[in-house]
């Protein structure tokens, strides 16, 4: 299945990268894309579809949005 390309949004001094939610089988390519954009922190806002440990191993902090914000 083709995934949409990442979209970068800049607001004042902040940068946001909007991406698809990868699976474990797509994680290596996904991590490469994150690193190419200079991502240091990833905020997961969708249901988990991949193990965050390999992303963290590459030096990218993974934050998980808590369920309390969805109410």
Protein backbone atom coordinates (compact mmCIF):
# COMPACT_ATOMS: atom_id res chain seq x y z
CA UNK A 1 0.00 0.00 0.00
CA UNK A 2 1.33 3.43 -0.90
CA UNK A 3 1.66 5.87 1.95
CA UNK A 4 1.39 9.64 1.61
CA UNK A 5 4.65 11.58 1.72
CA UNK A 6 5.50 13.40 4.96
CA UNK A 7 4.38 17.02 5.12
CA UNK A 8 6.46 19.60 6.99
CA UNK A 9 4.71 22.58 8.61
CA UNK A 10 6.63 25.50 10.10
CA UNK A 11 5.10 27.88 12.61
CA UNK A 12 7.32 30.61 14.05
CA UNK A 13 10.32 28.72 15.51
CA UNK A 14 8.58 25.31 15.53
CA UNK A 15 8.60 22.58 12.90
CA UNK A 16 6.04 19.80 12.62
CA UNK A 17 6.20 16.74 10.40
CA UNK A 18 2.89 15.07 9.61
CA UNK A 19 3.35 11.41 8.64
CA UNK A 20 1.45 8.17 8.24
CA UNK A 21 1.38 5.61 11.05
CA UNK A 22 3.84 2.87 10.06
CA UNK A 23 3.78 -0.81 10.88
CA UNK A 24 6.76 -2.70 12.28
CA UNK A 25 7.62 -3.91 8.77
CA UNK A 26 7.87 -0.28 7.54
CA UNK A 27 9.73 1.02 10.58
CA UNK A 28 13.26 1.10 9.13
CA UNK A 29 12.22 3.30 6.18
CA UNK A 30 10.03 5.43 8.46
CA UNK A 31 12.95 6.04 10.84
CA UNK A 32 15.19 6.97 7.89
CA UNK A 33 12.59 9.57 6.81
CA UNK A 34 12.40 11.00 10.33
CA UNK A 35 16.17 11.32 10.52
CA UNK A 36 16.30 12.96 7.06
CA UNK A 37 13.98 15.68 8.38
CA UNK A 38 16.04 16.06 11.57
CA UNK A 39 13.29 14.79 13.87
CA UNK A 40 14.37 14.61 17.52
CA UNK A 41 10.97 14.06 19.16
CA UNK A 42 8.07 12.04 17.78
CA UNK A 43 4.60 12.51 19.26
CA UNK A 44 2.33 9.53 18.67
CA UNK A 45 -1.29 10.71 18.41
CA UNK A 46 -2.83 7.62 16.80
CA UNK A 47 -3.25 4.08 18.00
CA UNK A 48 0.12 2.34 18.24
CA UNK A 49 0.88 0.36 15.09
CA UNK A 50 4.60 -0.17 15.74
CA UNK A 51 7.11 -0.81 18.49
CA UNK A 52 8.65 2.50 19.58
CA UNK A 53 11.89 0.89 20.88
CA UNK A 54 13.67 0.79 17.47
CA UNK A 55 12.84 4.48 16.92
CA UNK A 56 14.21 5.38 20.35
CA UNK A 57 17.31 3.29 19.64
CA UNK A 58 17.99 5.67 16.72
CA UNK A 59 18.02 8.60 19.15
CA UNK A 60 14.47 9.85 18.55
CA UNK A 61 12.38 10.45 21.67
CA UNK A 62 8.85 8.99 21.35
CA UNK A 63 6.06 10.64 23.32
CA UNK A 64 2.62 9.06 23.51
CA UNK A 65 -0.39 11.34 23.72
CA UNK A 66 -2.41 10.29 26.74
CA UNK A 67 -6.06 9.22 26.40
CA UNK A 68 -7.17 12.04 28.69
CA UNK A 69 -6.63 14.53 25.86
CA UNK A 70 -9.07 12.74 23.56
CA UNK A 71 -12.13 13.45 25.71
